[in-house]
Amino acid sequence: MKYCPACGAKNADAAKFCAKCGASFADAEPVDSTVKATTTPESPASTVTEKHRSSGNGWIGAIIGVIVVGIVLIVGGHSFYLNHRSAQATADIGQTIANKEFGDDEVRVYYSKSENTFTIKTLSGSAIRSSFTEYVEDGDNQSEIDDVTTEYQRFIDGVEGKMGSKYREAYYTYIENPWDSTKVFWDSRGTKIGYNWAEDN
């Protein structure tokens, strides 16, 4: 049994012309039957070509898949880490942001994970506490109080990007009144200031 070099049809070994398409076997080179067995008469080389093409696409698909999985793990793992880190670790991050916005040795930041709350306490002898004192006693440093409002807004904005998805929307923040811990100077839910003590004084 031999195969037509033109259309791939089966023919008798003694045939000089293809019984299907009429092509001559006179000048044809021997055809490897194992290769022909994987092809179709309509497109003799199509199956082999598609096999190599699909193999190449498979590698590309595999590489893309690995990249996508890696991104998911990085993003998901980052969110998991933020959601499950300790309260102290979150407070430390808040402290770093506070130092940048309020200045070093101005405030101390605490964080309660169960209440999702940042407490900002002004330090004794700090410029920010002096501003509060002067404002209450003299009422003549409005610009400094406005500066603190701006710094506080930047603090709560900065914290948002560091919170895990579970805590990002509802975190509460306030600057505690150092002379009465039951009162606050400013507070916020998320990145929106809810109470500004200076507006009531």
C-alpha atoms as a PDB file:
ATOM      1  CA  MET A   1       0.000   0.000   0.000  1.00  0.00           C
ATOM      2  CA  LYS A   2       1.337   3.431  -0.941  1.00  0.00           C
ATOM      3  CA  TYR A   3       0.052   6.962  -0.580  1.00  0.00           C
ATOM      4  CA  CYS A   4      -0.430   9.594  -3.252  1.00  0.00           C
ATOM      5  CA  PRO A   5       2.180  12.394  -2.877  1.00  0.00           C
ATOM      6  CA  ALA A   6      -0.432  14.904  -4.028  1.00  0.00           C
ATOM      7  CA  CYS A   7      -3.582  14.061  -2.095  1.00  0.00           C
ATOM      8  CA  GLY A   8      -2.463  11.402   0.386  1.00  0.00           C
ATOM      9  CA  ALA A   9      -4.990   8.784  -0.796  1.00  0.00           C
ATOM     10  CA  LYS A  10      -4.175   5.081  -0.375  1.00  0.00           C
ATOM     11  CA  ASN A  11      -3.222   3.222  -3.564  1.00  0.00           C
ATOM     12  CA  ALA A  12      -2.053  -0.264  -4.479  1.00  0.00           C
ATOM     13  CA  ASP A  13       1.709  -0.789  -4.465  1.00  0.00           C
ATOM     14  CA  ALA A  14       1.701  -1.397  -8.228  1.00  0.00           C
ATOM     15  CA  ALA A  15      -0.356   1.693  -9.133  1.00  0.00           C
ATOM     16  CA  LYS A  16       1.341   4.187 -11.473  1.00  0.00           C
ATOM     17  CA  PHE A  17      -1.345   6.849 -11.053  1.00  0.00           C
ATOM     18  CA  CYS A  18      -3.438   7.825  -8.061  1.00  0.00           C
ATOM     19  CA  ALA A  19      -6.892   6.253  -8.188  1.00  0.00           C
ATOM     20  CA  LYS A  20      -8.387   9.357  -6.587  1.00  0.00           C
ATOM     21  CA  CYS A  21      -6.694  12.382  -8.150  1.00  0.00           C
ATOM     22  CA  GLY A  22      -4.759  10.869 -11.067  1.00  0.00           C
ATOM     23  CA  ALA A  23      -1.342  12.146  -9.974  1.00  0.00           C
ATOM     24  CA  SER A  24       1.636  10.166 -11.313  1.00  0.00           C
ATOM     25  CA  PHE A  25       3.763   8.061  -8.996  1.00  0.00           C
ATOM     26  CA  ALA A  26       6.630   7.952 -11.534  1.00  0.00           C
ATOM     27  CA  ASP A  27       8.648  10.845 -10.125  1.00  0.00           C
ATOM     28  CA  ALA A  28       7.374  10.651  -6.544  1.00  0.00           C
ATOM     29  CA  GLU A  29       9.758   9.979  -3.709  1.00  0.00           C
ATOM     30  CA  PRO A  30       8.822   7.315  -1.179  1.00  0.00           C
ATOM     31  CA  VAL A  31       6.446   8.639   1.424  1.00  0.00           C
ATOM     32  CA  ASP A  32       6.813   7.830   5.095  1.00  0.00           C
ATOM     33  CA  SER A  33       3.529   6.144   5.983  1.00  0.00           C
ATOM     34  CA  THR A  34       3.847   7.126   9.645  1.00  0.00           C
ATOM     35  CA  VAL A  35       3.783  10.803   8.685  1.00  0.00           C
ATOM     36  CA  LYS A  36       0.927  10.337   6.228  1.00  0.00           C
ATOM     37  CA  ALA A  37      -1.070   8.515   8.819  1.00  0.00           C
ATOM     38  CA  THR A  38      -1.238  11.708  10.853  1.00  0.00           C
ATOM     39  CA  THR A  39      -2.409  13.851   7.930  1.00  0.00           C
ATOM     40  CA  THR A  40      -5.666  14.190   6.050  1.00  0.00           C
ATOM     41  CA  PRO A  41      -6.068  13.975   2.235  1.00  0.00           C
ATOM     42  CA  GLU A  42      -7.526  17.483   2.080  1.00  0.00           C
ATOM     43  CA  SER A  43      -4.497  19.137   3.710  1.00  0.00           C
ATOM     44  CA  PRO A  44      -1.560  16.696   3.933  1.00  0.00           C
ATOM     45  CA  ALA A  45       0.667  18.885   6.125  1.00  0.00           C
ATOM     46  CA  SER A  46      -1.980  20.731   8.102  1.00  0.00           C
ATOM     47  CA  THR A  47      -2.090  18.383  11.099  1.00  0.00           C
ATOM     48  CA  VAL A  48       1.661  18.417  11.588  1.00  0.00           C
ATOM     49  CA  THR A  49       1.793  22.202  11.199  1.00  0.00           C
ATOM     50  CA  GLU A  50      -1.067  22.740  13.628  1.00  0.00           C
ATOM     51  CA  LYS A  51       0.578  20.414  16.107  1.00  0.00           C
ATOM     52  CA  HIS A  52       3.750  22.511  16.143  1.00  0.00           C
ATOM     53  CA  ARG A  53       1.751  25.730  16.203  1.00  0.00           C
ATOM     54  CA  SER A  54      -0.420  24.610  19.103  1.00  0.00           C
ATOM     55  CA  SER A  55       2.654  23.423  20.945  1.00  0.00           C
ATOM     56  CA  GLY A  56       4.133  26.912  20.670  1.00  0.00           C
ATOM     57  CA  ASN A  57       0.894  28.503  21.795  1.00  0.00           C
ATOM     58  CA  GLY A  58       0.828  26.108  24.725  1.00  0.00           C
ATOM     59  CA  TRP A  59       4.160  27.453  25.965  1.00  0.00           C
ATOM     60  CA  ILE A  60       2.979  31.030  25.590  1.00  0.00           C
ATOM     61  CA  GLY A  61      -0.244  30.197  27.411  1.00  0.00           C
ATOM     62  CA  ALA A  62       1.686  28.494  30.189  1.00  0.00           C
ATOM     63  CA  ILE A  63       3.973  31.519  30.644  1.00  0.00           C
ATOM     64  CA  ILE A  64       1.007  33.908  30.724  1.00  0.00           C
ATOM     65  CA  GLY A  65      -0.709  31.628  33.219  1.00  0.00           C
ATOM     66  CA  VAL A  66       2.315  31.656  35.524  1.00  0.00           C
ATOM     67  CA  ILE A  67       2.487  35.467  35.353  1.00  0.00           C
ATOM     68  CA  VAL A  68      -1.233  35.846  36.143  1.00  0.00           C
ATOM     69  CA  VAL A  69      -1.017  33.414  39.064  1.00  0.00           C
ATOM     70  CA  GLY A  70       2.034  35.282  40.365  1.00  0.00           C
ATOM     71  CA  ILE A  71       0.208  38.617  40.266  1.00  0.00           C
ATOM     72  CA  VAL A  72      -2.808  37.135  42.045  1.00  0.00           C
ATOM     73  CA  LEU A  73      -0.585  35.670  44.749  1.00  0.00           C
ATOM     74  CA  ILE A  74       1.302  38.936  45.230  1.00  0.00           C
ATOM     75  CA  VAL A  75      -1.831  41.089  45.403  1.00  0.00           C
ATOM     76  CA  GLY A  76      -3.814  38.556  47.396  1.00  0.00           C
ATOM     77  CA  GLY A  77      -0.910  37.836  49.709  1.00  0.00           C
ATOM     78  CA  HIS A  78      -0.320  41.546  50.262  1.00  0.00           C
ATOM     79  CA  SER A  79      -3.967  42.052  51.172  1.00  0.00           C
ATOM     80  CA  PHE A  80      -3.881  39.002  53.434  1.00  0.00           C
ATOM     81  CA  TYR A  81      -0.788  40.339  55.165  1.00  0.00           C
ATOM     82  CA  LEU A  82      -2.353  43.759  55.709  1.00  0.00           C
ATOM     83  CA  ASN A  83      -5.543  42.208  57.037  1.00  0.00           C
ATOM     84  CA  HIS A  84      -3.790  39.883  59.449  1.00  0.00           C
ATOM     85  CA  ARG A  85      -0.795  41.796  60.740  1.00  0.00           C
ATOM     86  CA  SER A  86      -0.648  42.663  64.438  1.00  0.00           C
ATOM     87  CA  ALA A  87      -2.109  45.806  65.973  1.00  0.00           C
ATOM     88  CA  GLN A  88       1.390  46.914  66.943  1.00  0.00           C
ATOM     89  CA  ALA A  89       2.644  46.548  63.379  1.00  0.00           C
ATOM     90  CA  THR A  90      -0.258  48.699  62.157  1.00  0.00           C
ATOM     91  CA  ALA A  91       0.423  51.278  64.882  1.00  0.00           C
ATOM     92  CA  ASP A  92       4.075  51.394  63.806  1.00  0.00           C
ATOM     93  CA  ILE A  93       3.045  52.120  60.241  1.00  0.00           C
ATOM     94  CA  GLY A  94       0.713  54.849  61.508  1.00  0.00           C
ATOM     95  CA  GLN A  95       3.562  56.289  63.582  1.00  0.00           C
ATOM     96  CA  THR A  96       5.793  56.512  60.525  1.00  0.00           C
ATOM     97  CA  ILE A  97       3.096  58.427  58.651  1.00  0.00           C
ATOM     98  CA  ALA A  98       2.480  60.681  61.678  1.00  0.00           C
ATOM     99  CA  ASN A  99       6.177  61.522  61.962  1.00  0.00           C
ATOM    100  CA  LYS A 100       6.154  62.560  58.333  1.00  0.00           C
ATOM    101  CA  GLU A 101       3.024  64.695  58.591  1.00  0.00           C
ATOM    102  CA  PHE A 102       3.167  66.158  62.128  1.00  0.00           C
ATOM    103  CA  GLY A 103       6.930  65.993  62.663  1.00  0.00           C
ATOM    104  CA  ASP A 104       9.112  63.846  64.902  1.00  0.00           C
ATOM    105  CA  ASP A 105       8.350  63.742  68.640  1.00  0.00           C
ATOM    106  CA  GLU A 106       4.980  65.444  68.178  1.00  0.00           C
ATOM    107  CA  VAL A 107       2.475  62.619  68.621  1.00  0.00           C
ATOM    108  CA  ARG A 108       2.250  58.955  69.580  1.00  0.00           C
ATOM    109  CA  VAL A 109       0.020  56.646  67.529  1.00  0.00           C
ATOM    110  CA  TYR A 110      -1.875  53.648  68.935  1.00  0.00           C
ATOM    111  CA  TYR A 111      -4.069  51.203  67.080  1.00  0.00           C
ATOM    112  CA  SER A 112      -6.850  48.872  68.256  1.00  0.00           C
ATOM    113  CA  LYS A 113      -7.485  46.064  65.794  1.00  0.00           C
ATOM    114  CA  SER A 114     -10.755  44.977  67.428  1.00  0.00           C
ATOM    115  CA  GLU A 115     -12.145  48.527  67.129  1.00  0.00           C
ATOM    116  CA  ASN A 116     -10.206  49.394  63.952  1.00  0.00           C
ATOM    117  CA  THR A 117      -9.235  52.685  65.571  1.00  0.00           C
ATOM    118  CA  PHE A 118      -6.140  54.888  65.505  1.00  0.00           C
ATOM    119  CA  THR A 119      -5.636  57.029  68.605  1.00  0.00           C
ATOM    120  CA  ILE A 120      -3.245  59.959  68.199  1.00  0.00           C
ATOM    121  CA  LYS A 121      -1.948  61.416  71.456  1.00  0.00           C
ATOM    122  CA  THR A 122      -0.017  64.675  71.480  1.00  0.00           C
ATOM    123  CA  LEU A 123       3.259  64.552  73.423  1.00  0.00           C
ATOM    124  CA  SER A 124       4.041  66.843  76.324  1.00  0.00           C
ATOM    125  CA  GLY A 125       6.164  69.776  75.176  1.00  0.00           C
ATOM    126  CA  SER A 126       5.314  69.200  71.518  1.00  0.00           C
ATOM    127  CA  ALA A 127       4.650  72.104  69.156  1.00  0.00           C
ATOM    128  CA  ILE A 128       1.221  70.735  68.307  1.00  0.00           C
ATOM    129  CA  ARG A 129       0.151  70.711  71.976  1.00  0.00           C
ATOM    130  CA  SER A 130       1.504  74.232  72.421  1.00  0.00           C
ATOM    131  CA  SER A 131      -0.617  75.295  69.459  1.00  0.00           C
ATOM    132  CA  PHE A 132      -3.706  73.893  71.139  1.00  0.00           C
ATOM    133  CA  THR A 133      -2.833  75.646  74.409  1.00  0.00           C
ATOM    134  CA  GLU A 134      -2.276  79.013  72.725  1.00  0.00           C
ATOM    135  CA  TYR A 135      -5.448  78.667  70.713  1.00  0.00           C
ATOM    136  CA  VAL A 136      -7.525  77.973  73.825  1.00  0.00           C
ATOM    137  CA  GLU A 137      -5.892  80.702  75.907  1.00  0.00           C
ATOM    138  CA  ASP A 138      -5.387  83.406  73.299  1.00  0.00           C
ATOM    139  CA  GLY A 139      -7.265  82.336  70.182  1.00  0.00           C
ATOM    140  CA  ASP A 140      -4.715  84.105  68.016  1.00  0.00           C
ATOM    141  CA  ASN A 141      -3.016  81.245  66.143  1.00  0.00           C
ATOM    142  CA  GLN A 142      -5.745  80.118  63.751  1.00  0.00           C
ATOM    143  CA  SER A 143      -3.226  79.532  60.967  1.00  0.00           C
ATOM    144  CA  GLU A 144      -1.325  77.010  63.102  1.00  0.00           C
ATOM    145  CA  ILE A 145      -4.545  75.168  63.938  1.00  0.00           C
ATOM    146  CA  ASP A 146      -5.407  75.115  60.230  1.00  0.00           C
ATOM    147  CA  ASP A 147      -1.978  73.610  59.572  1.00  0.00           C
ATOM    148  CA  VAL A 148      -2.731  70.820  62.053  1.00  0.00           C
ATOM    149  CA  THR A 149      -6.026  70.151  60.265  1.00  0.00           C
ATOM    150  CA  THR A 150      -4.110  69.793  57.001  1.00  0.00           C
ATOM    151  CA  GLU A 151      -1.539  67.503  58.604  1.00  0.00           C
ATOM    152  CA  TYR A 152      -4.298  65.380  60.094  1.00  0.00           C
ATOM    153  CA  GLN A 153      -6.011  65.071  56.704  1.00  0.00           C
ATOM    154  CA  ARG A 154      -2.748  63.937  55.149  1.00  0.00           C
ATOM    155  CA  PHE A 155      -2.307  61.407  57.949  1.00  0.00           C
ATOM    156  CA  ILE A 156      -5.703  59.768  57.448  1.00  0.00           C
ATOM    157  CA  ASP A 157      -5.182  59.783  53.680  1.00  0.00           C
ATOM    158  CA  GLY A 158      -1.794  58.112  54.107  1.00  0.00           C
ATOM    159  CA  VAL A 159      -3.187  55.433  56.410  1.00  0.00           C
ATOM    160  CA  GLU A 160      -5.801  54.391  53.848  1.00  0.00           C
ATOM    161  CA  GLY A 161      -3.216  52.971  51.467  1.00  0.00           C
ATOM    162  CA  LYS A 162      -1.699  50.868  54.233  1.00  0.00           C
ATOM    163  CA  MET A 163      -4.893  49.239  55.468  1.00  0.00           C
ATOM    164  CA  GLY A 164      -6.000  45.777  54.382  1.00  0.00           C
ATOM    165  CA  SER A 165      -9.226  45.485  52.430  1.00  0.00           C
ATOM    166  CA  LYS A 166     -11.086  44.217  55.497  1.00  0.00           C
ATOM    167  CA  TYR A 167     -10.267  47.388  57.472  1.00  0.00           C
ATOM    168  CA  ARG A 168      -9.841  50.097  54.828  1.00  0.00           C
ATOM    169  CA  GLU A 169     -13.391  51.463  54.602  1.00  0.00           C
ATOM    170  CA  ALA A 170     -14.325  51.812  58.270  1.00  0.00           C
ATOM    171  CA  TYR A 171     -11.196  52.718  60.219  1.00  0.00           C
ATOM    172  CA  TYR A 172     -11.697  55.430  62.827  1.00  0.00           C
ATOM    173  CA  THR A 173      -9.053  57.983  63.743  1.00  0.00           C
ATOM    174  CA  TYR A 174      -8.933  60.745  66.317  1.00  0.00           C
ATOM    175  CA  ILE A 175      -6.534  63.167  67.998  1.00  0.00           C
ATOM    176  CA  GLU A 176      -7.152  62.929  71.693  1.00  0.00           C
ATOM    177  CA  ASN A 177      -7.611  65.999  73.874  1.00  0.00           C
ATOM    178  CA  PRO A 178      -4.632  65.675  76.252  1.00  0.00           C
ATOM    179  CA  TRP A 179      -6.478  67.399  79.097  1.00  0.00           C
ATOM    180  CA  ASP A 180      -9.637  65.323  78.787  1.00  0.00           C
ATOM    181  CA  SER A 181      -9.273  61.851  77.259  1.00  0.00           C
ATOM    182  CA  THR A 182     -13.039  61.592  76.801  1.00  0.00           C
ATOM    183  CA  LYS A 183     -12.895  64.380  74.213  1.00  0.00           C
ATOM    184  CA  VAL A 184     -11.195  64.688  70.854  1.00  0.00           C
ATOM    185  CA  PHE A 185      -9.682  67.494  68.820  1.00  0.00           C
ATOM    186  CA  TRP A 186     -10.398  65.904  65.421  1.00  0.00           C
ATOM    187  CA  ASP A 187     -11.894  62.618  64.375  1.00  0.00           C
ATOM    188  CA  SER A 188     -12.607  60.862  61.109  1.00  0.00           C
ATOM    189  CA  ARG A 189     -14.104  57.770  59.564  1.00  0.00           C
ATOM    190  CA  GLY A 190     -11.912  56.622  56.717  1.00  0.00           C
ATOM    191  CA  THR A 191     -10.448  59.668  54.968  1.00  0.00           C
ATOM    192  CA  LYS A 192     -13.273  62.064  55.831  1.00  0.00           C
ATOM    193  CA  ILE A 193     -12.904  64.358  58.837  1.00  0.00           C
ATOM    194  CA  GLY A 194     -16.091  64.128  60.859  1.00  0.00           C
ATOM    195  CA  TYR A 195     -15.363  66.481  63.742  1.00  0.00           C
ATOM    196  CA  ASN A 196     -13.056  69.490  63.821  1.00  0.00           C
ATOM    197  CA  TRP A 197     -12.684  70.838  67.355  1.00  0.00           C
ATOM    198  CA  ALA A 198     -11.448  74.202  66.075  1.00  0.00           C
ATOM    199  CA  GLU A 199     -14.777  74.862  64.364  1.00  0.00           C
ATOM    200  CA  ASP A 200     -16.567  74.723  67.740  1.00  0.00           C
ATOM    201  CA  ASN A 201     -14.192  77.081  69.514  1.00  0.00           C
END
